[in-house]
């Protein structure tokens, strides 16, 4: 895949202004809209369609903080995601296991308030982890050695997101 920052023509940084990103995507989408190329040769239409697809893919990547961080790491030449082989610290695994058990107990008891509290606590942790990732990118200032710490934070964020997905599913089930 092409670099999402280059595709949308935005500065490669973690703390993107998402409204400006959306506006940039809309402008690019307008410029690449198929109606603008209706009378163009087939090769030009295919090229515009391909660029529009790349712009949509780039937006999906840059909207998601995990995928945006991975794109930044890739730009710095650092393996990311599953390729990185980054193992979660045992303390994090234990903590997540305990949180999941508590969530499971709350779900079995159909205790919506307890599920909501667990979700709220994990959303607060998600915000703190996102702030830590942003801080790590800012502190690294492009030094690849400094960026390795981001991998552990991304691992933690993935666990948090999975937990929050479970919370959402349980909350949906409890409202049915």
C-alpha atoms as a PDB file:
ATOM      1  CA  UNK A   1       0.000   0.000   0.000  1.00  0.00           C
ATOM      2  CA  UNK A   2       1.136   3.520  -0.680  1.00  0.00           C
ATOM      3  CA  UNK A   3       1.984   5.855   2.172  1.00  0.00           C
ATOM      4  CA  UNK A   4      -1.343   7.233   3.504  1.00  0.00           C
ATOM      5  CA  UNK A   5       0.226  10.539   4.505  1.00  0.00           C
ATOM      6  CA  UNK A   6       1.596  11.073   1.013  1.00  0.00           C
ATOM      7  CA  UNK A   7      -1.646   9.927  -0.596  1.00  0.00           C
ATOM      8  CA  UNK A   8      -3.657  12.568   1.252  1.00  0.00           C
ATOM      9  CA  UNK A   9      -0.882  15.136   1.248  1.00  0.00           C
ATOM     10  CA  UNK A  10      -0.787  15.599   5.027  1.00  0.00           C
ATOM     11  CA  UNK A  11       2.156  15.947   7.376  1.00  0.00           C
ATOM     12  CA  UNK A  12       3.254  12.584   8.782  1.00  0.00           C
ATOM     13  CA  UNK A  13       2.473  12.957  12.472  1.00  0.00           C
ATOM     14  CA  UNK A  14       0.443  11.096  15.065  1.00  0.00           C
ATOM     15  CA  UNK A  15      -1.511  14.080  16.362  1.00  0.00           C
ATOM     16  CA  UNK A  16      -3.387  14.831  13.150  1.00  0.00           C
ATOM     17  CA  UNK A  17      -6.260  17.286  13.062  1.00  0.00           C
ATOM     18  CA  UNK A  18      -8.986  14.829  12.052  1.00  0.00           C
ATOM     19  CA  UNK A  19     -11.305  17.564  10.777  1.00  0.00           C
ATOM     20  CA  UNK A  20      -8.586  18.903   8.492  1.00  0.00           C
ATOM     21  CA  UNK A  21      -7.876  15.325   7.394  1.00  0.00           C
ATOM     22  CA  UNK A  22     -11.552  14.780   6.537  1.00  0.00           C
ATOM     23  CA  UNK A  23     -11.629  18.068   4.617  1.00  0.00           C
ATOM     24  CA  UNK A  24      -8.494  17.134   2.685  1.00  0.00           C
ATOM     25  CA  UNK A  25     -10.083  13.804   1.794  1.00  0.00           C
ATOM     26  CA  UNK A  26     -13.306  15.483   0.655  1.00  0.00           C
ATOM     27  CA  UNK A  27     -11.366  17.902  -1.549  1.00  0.00           C
ATOM     28  CA  UNK A  28      -9.369  15.066  -3.069  1.00  0.00           C
ATOM     29  CA  UNK A  29     -12.510  12.967  -3.556  1.00  0.00           C
ATOM     30  CA  UNK A  30     -14.191  15.834  -5.388  1.00  0.00           C
ATOM     31  CA  UNK A  31     -11.185  16.233  -7.664  1.00  0.00           C
ATOM     32  CA  UNK A  32     -11.118  12.486  -8.402  1.00  0.00           C
ATOM     33  CA  UNK A  33     -14.883  11.984  -8.721  1.00  0.00           C
ATOM     34  CA  UNK A  34     -15.802   9.774 -11.718  1.00  0.00           C
ATOM     35  CA  UNK A  35     -18.157  12.440 -13.128  1.00  0.00           C
ATOM     36  CA  UNK A  36     -15.133  14.672 -13.721  1.00  0.00           C
ATOM     37  CA  UNK A  37     -13.619  11.957 -15.908  1.00  0.00           C
ATOM     38  CA  UNK A  38     -16.743  10.829 -17.795  1.00  0.00           C
ATOM     39  CA  UNK A  39     -15.410  12.066 -21.139  1.00  0.00           C
ATOM     40  CA  UNK A  40     -11.791  11.147 -20.469  1.00  0.00           C
ATOM     41  CA  UNK A  41     -10.003   8.190 -22.037  1.00  0.00           C
ATOM     42  CA  UNK A  42     -10.416   4.852 -20.256  1.00  0.00           C
ATOM     43  CA  UNK A  43      -6.838   4.860 -18.943  1.00  0.00           C
ATOM     44  CA  UNK A  44      -7.338   8.260 -17.320  1.00  0.00           C
ATOM     45  CA  UNK A  45     -10.645   7.113 -15.771  1.00  0.00           C
ATOM     46  CA  UNK A  46      -8.945   4.005 -14.349  1.00  0.00           C
ATOM     47  CA  UNK A  47      -6.098   6.110 -12.962  1.00  0.00           C
ATOM     48  CA  UNK A  48      -8.537   8.510 -11.263  1.00  0.00           C
ATOM     49  CA  UNK A  49     -10.534   5.598  -9.854  1.00  0.00           C
ATOM     50  CA  UNK A  50      -7.344   3.995  -8.532  1.00  0.00           C
ATOM     51  CA  UNK A  51      -6.299   7.248  -6.855  1.00  0.00           C
ATOM     52  CA  UNK A  52      -9.788   7.642  -5.340  1.00  0.00           C
ATOM     53  CA  UNK A  53      -9.568   4.125  -3.897  1.00  0.00           C
ATOM     54  CA  UNK A  54      -6.104   4.910  -2.475  1.00  0.00           C
ATOM     55  CA  UNK A  55      -7.464   8.114  -0.917  1.00  0.00           C
ATOM     56  CA  UNK A  56     -10.310   6.191   0.745  1.00  0.00           C
ATOM     57  CA  UNK A  57      -7.896   3.548   2.040  1.00  0.00           C
ATOM     58  CA  UNK A  58      -5.530   6.255   3.319  1.00  0.00           C
ATOM     59  CA  UNK A  59      -8.371   7.947   5.191  1.00  0.00           C
ATOM     60  CA  UNK A  60      -9.327   4.665   6.872  1.00  0.00           C
ATOM     61  CA  UNK A  61      -5.712   4.166   7.974  1.00  0.00           C
ATOM     62  CA  UNK A  62      -5.185   7.694   9.267  1.00  0.00           C
ATOM     63  CA  UNK A  63      -8.492   7.847  11.155  1.00  0.00           C
ATOM     64  CA  UNK A  64      -7.527   4.828  13.253  1.00  0.00           C
ATOM     65  CA  UNK A  65      -4.828   5.704  15.815  1.00  0.00           C
ATOM     66  CA  UNK A  66      -3.330   2.202  15.760  1.00  0.00           C
ATOM     67  CA  UNK A  67      -3.059   2.065  11.992  1.00  0.00           C
ATOM     68  CA  UNK A  68      -1.833   5.687  11.884  1.00  0.00           C
ATOM     69  CA  UNK A  69       0.933   4.853  14.383  1.00  0.00           C
ATOM     70  CA  UNK A  70       1.833   1.759  12.378  1.00  0.00           C
ATOM     71  CA  UNK A  71       2.083   3.888   9.218  1.00  0.00           C
ATOM     72  CA  UNK A  72       4.443   6.263  11.024  1.00  0.00           C
ATOM     73  CA  UNK A  73       6.543   3.360  12.259  1.00  0.00           C
ATOM     74  CA  UNK A  74       6.669   1.932   8.753  1.00  0.00           C
ATOM     75  CA  UNK A  75       7.899   5.301   7.446  1.00  0.00           C
ATOM     76  CA  UNK A  76      10.685   5.098  10.047  1.00  0.00           C
ATOM     77  CA  UNK A  77      11.588   1.572   8.932  1.00  0.00           C
ATOM     78  CA  UNK A  78      10.331  -0.120  12.091  1.00  0.00           C
ATOM     79  CA  UNK A  79       8.417  -3.392  11.880  1.00  0.00           C
ATOM     80  CA  UNK A  80       4.931  -2.938  13.203  1.00  0.00           C
ATOM     81  CA  UNK A  81       1.834  -4.891  14.141  1.00  0.00           C
ATOM     82  CA  UNK A  82       2.138  -8.642  14.064  1.00  0.00           C
ATOM     83  CA  UNK A  83       5.401  -8.370  12.080  1.00  0.00           C
ATOM     84  CA  UNK A  84       7.122  -6.726  15.024  1.00  0.00           C
ATOM     85  CA  UNK A  85       6.838  -9.836  17.150  1.00  0.00           C
ATOM     86  CA  UNK A  86       6.202  -7.510  20.085  1.00  0.00           C
ATOM     87  CA  UNK A  87       5.096  -9.560  23.051  1.00  0.00           C
ATOM     88  CA  UNK A  88       2.792  -7.987  25.598  1.00  0.00           C
ATOM     89  CA  UNK A  89       4.282  -7.690  29.076  1.00  0.00           C
ATOM     90  CA  UNK A  90       3.064 -10.445  31.444  1.00  0.00           C
ATOM     91  CA  UNK A  91       1.670  -7.815  33.834  1.00  0.00           C
ATOM     92  CA  UNK A  92      -0.535  -6.400  31.059  1.00  0.00           C
ATOM     93  CA  UNK A  93      -1.720  -9.872  30.081  1.00  0.00           C
ATOM     94  CA  UNK A  94      -2.603 -10.665  33.695  1.00  0.00           C
ATOM     95  CA  UNK A  95      -4.399  -7.359  34.137  1.00  0.00           C
ATOM     96  CA  UNK A  96      -6.415  -7.842  30.944  1.00  0.00           C
ATOM     97  CA  UNK A  97      -7.295 -11.404  31.919  1.00  0.00           C
ATOM     98  CA  UNK A  98      -8.576 -10.207  35.297  1.00  0.00           C
ATOM     99  CA  UNK A  99     -10.550  -7.388  33.666  1.00  0.00           C
ATOM    100  CA  UNK A 100     -12.105  -9.823  31.202  1.00  0.00           C
ATOM    101  CA  UNK A 101     -13.084 -12.160  34.034  1.00  0.00           C
ATOM    102  CA  UNK A 102     -14.731  -9.275  35.860  1.00  0.00           C
ATOM    103  CA  UNK A 103     -16.515  -8.268  32.664  1.00  0.00           C
ATOM    104  CA  UNK A 104     -17.672 -11.838  32.123  1.00  0.00           C
ATOM    105  CA  UNK A 105     -19.047 -12.004  35.672  1.00  0.00           C
ATOM    106  CA  UNK A 106     -20.890  -8.706  35.182  1.00  0.00           C
ATOM    107  CA  UNK A 107     -22.347  -9.969  31.908  1.00  0.00           C
ATOM    108  CA  UNK A 108     -23.500 -13.242  33.477  1.00  0.00           C
ATOM    109  CA  UNK A 109     -25.119 -11.290  36.310  1.00  0.00           C
ATOM    110  CA  UNK A 110     -26.673  -8.983  33.660  1.00  0.00           C
ATOM    111  CA  UNK A 111     -25.272  -6.079  35.691  1.00  0.00           C
ATOM    112  CA  UNK A 112     -25.386  -3.280  33.125  1.00  0.00           C
ATOM    113  CA  UNK A 113     -24.112  -0.654  35.559  1.00  0.00           C
ATOM    114  CA  UNK A 114     -21.016  -2.714  36.356  1.00  0.00           C
ATOM    115  CA  UNK A 115     -20.381  -3.359  32.645  1.00  0.00           C
ATOM    116  CA  UNK A 116     -20.689   0.395  32.019  1.00  0.00           C
ATOM    117  CA  UNK A 117     -18.233   1.186  34.825  1.00  0.00           C
ATOM    118  CA  UNK A 118     -15.714  -1.298  33.443  1.00  0.00           C
ATOM    119  CA  UNK A 119     -16.160   0.203  29.992  1.00  0.00           C
ATOM    120  CA  UNK A 120     -15.741   3.744  31.296  1.00  0.00           C
ATOM    121  CA  UNK A 121     -12.562   2.804  33.140  1.00  0.00           C
ATOM    122  CA  UNK A 122     -11.121   1.163  30.020  1.00  0.00           C
ATOM    123  CA  UNK A 123     -12.094   4.149  27.833  1.00  0.00           C
ATOM    124  CA  UNK A 124     -10.182   6.393  30.252  1.00  0.00           C
ATOM    125  CA  UNK A 125      -7.218   4.057  29.965  1.00  0.00           C
ATOM    126  CA  UNK A 126      -7.539   4.164  26.175  1.00  0.00           C
ATOM    127  CA  UNK A 127      -7.309   7.965  26.260  1.00  0.00           C
ATOM    128  CA  UNK A 128      -4.260   7.815  28.534  1.00  0.00           C
ATOM    129  CA  UNK A 129      -2.574   5.287  26.242  1.00  0.00           C
ATOM    130  CA  UNK A 130      -3.311   7.426  23.175  1.00  0.00           C
ATOM    131  CA  UNK A 131      -1.770  10.413  24.964  1.00  0.00           C
ATOM    132  CA  UNK A 132       1.287   8.306  25.822  1.00  0.00           C
ATOM    133  CA  UNK A 133       1.647   7.242  22.180  1.00  0.00           C
ATOM    134  CA  UNK A 134       1.382  10.845  21.062  1.00  0.00           C
ATOM    135  CA  UNK A 135       4.000  11.826  23.641  1.00  0.00           C
ATOM    136  CA  UNK A 136       6.316   9.027  22.534  1.00  0.00           C
ATOM    137  CA  UNK A 137       6.127  10.157  18.907  1.00  0.00           C
ATOM    138  CA  UNK A 138       6.729  13.772  19.911  1.00  0.00           C
ATOM    139  CA  UNK A 139       9.694  12.842  22.122  1.00  0.00           C
ATOM    140  CA  UNK A 140      11.273  10.625  19.450  1.00  0.00           C
ATOM    141  CA  UNK A 141      11.444  13.439  16.902  1.00  0.00           C
ATOM    142  CA  UNK A 142      12.122  10.914  14.144  1.00  0.00           C
ATOM    143  CA  UNK A 143      14.809   8.927  16.021  1.00  0.00           C
ATOM    144  CA  UNK A 144      13.968   5.291  15.158  1.00  0.00           C
ATOM    145  CA  UNK A 145      15.554   4.015  18.382  1.00  0.00           C
ATOM    146  CA  UNK A 146      13.163   6.127  20.435  1.00  0.00           C
ATOM    147  CA  UNK A 147      10.164   4.888  18.458  1.00  0.00           C
ATOM    148  CA  UNK A 148      10.558   1.279  19.636  1.00  0.00           C
ATOM    149  CA  UNK A 149       8.714   2.212  22.848  1.00  0.00           C
ATOM    150  CA  UNK A 150       5.626   2.940  20.761  1.00  0.00           C
ATOM    151  CA  UNK A 151       5.318  -0.762  19.938  1.00  0.00           C
ATOM    152  CA  UNK A 152       4.552  -1.694  23.565  1.00  0.00           C
ATOM    153  CA  UNK A 153       1.968   1.081  23.790  1.00  0.00           C
ATOM    154  CA  UNK A 154       0.324  -0.110  20.571  1.00  0.00           C
ATOM    155  CA  UNK A 155       0.170  -3.628  21.961  1.00  0.00           C
ATOM    156  CA  UNK A 156      -1.571  -2.282  25.057  1.00  0.00           C
ATOM    157  CA  UNK A 157      -3.974  -0.237  22.916  1.00  0.00           C
ATOM    158  CA  UNK A 158      -4.921  -3.336  20.923  1.00  0.00           C
ATOM    159  CA  UNK A 159      -5.834  -5.178  24.136  1.00  0.00           C
ATOM    160  CA  UNK A 160      -7.833  -2.184  25.324  1.00  0.00           C
ATOM    161  CA  UNK A 161      -9.710  -2.018  22.019  1.00  0.00           C
ATOM    162  CA  UNK A 162     -10.575  -5.721  22.166  1.00  0.00           C
ATOM    163  CA  UNK A 163     -11.871  -5.263  25.700  1.00  0.00           C
ATOM    164  CA  UNK A 164     -13.983  -2.289  24.607  1.00  0.00           C
ATOM    165  CA  UNK A 165     -15.364  -4.341  21.696  1.00  0.00           C
ATOM    166  CA  UNK A 166     -16.446  -6.952  24.236  1.00  0.00           C
ATOM    167  CA  UNK A 167     -18.036  -4.248  26.395  1.00  0.00           C
ATOM    168  CA  UNK A 168     -19.998  -2.967  23.383  1.00  0.00           C
ATOM    169  CA  UNK A 169     -21.201  -6.453  22.498  1.00  0.00           C
ATOM    170  CA  UNK A 170     -22.301  -7.126  26.081  1.00  0.00           C
ATOM    171  CA  UNK A 171     -24.045  -3.749  26.370  1.00  0.00           C
ATOM    172  CA  UNK A 172     -25.866  -4.447  23.115  1.00  0.00           C
ATOM    173  CA  UNK A 173     -26.878  -7.896  24.374  1.00  0.00           C
ATOM    174  CA  UNK A 174     -28.114  -6.475  27.671  1.00  0.00           C
ATOM    175  CA  UNK A 175     -30.361  -3.953  25.904  1.00  0.00           C
ATOM    176  CA  UNK A 176     -32.073  -6.644  23.810  1.00  0.00           C
END
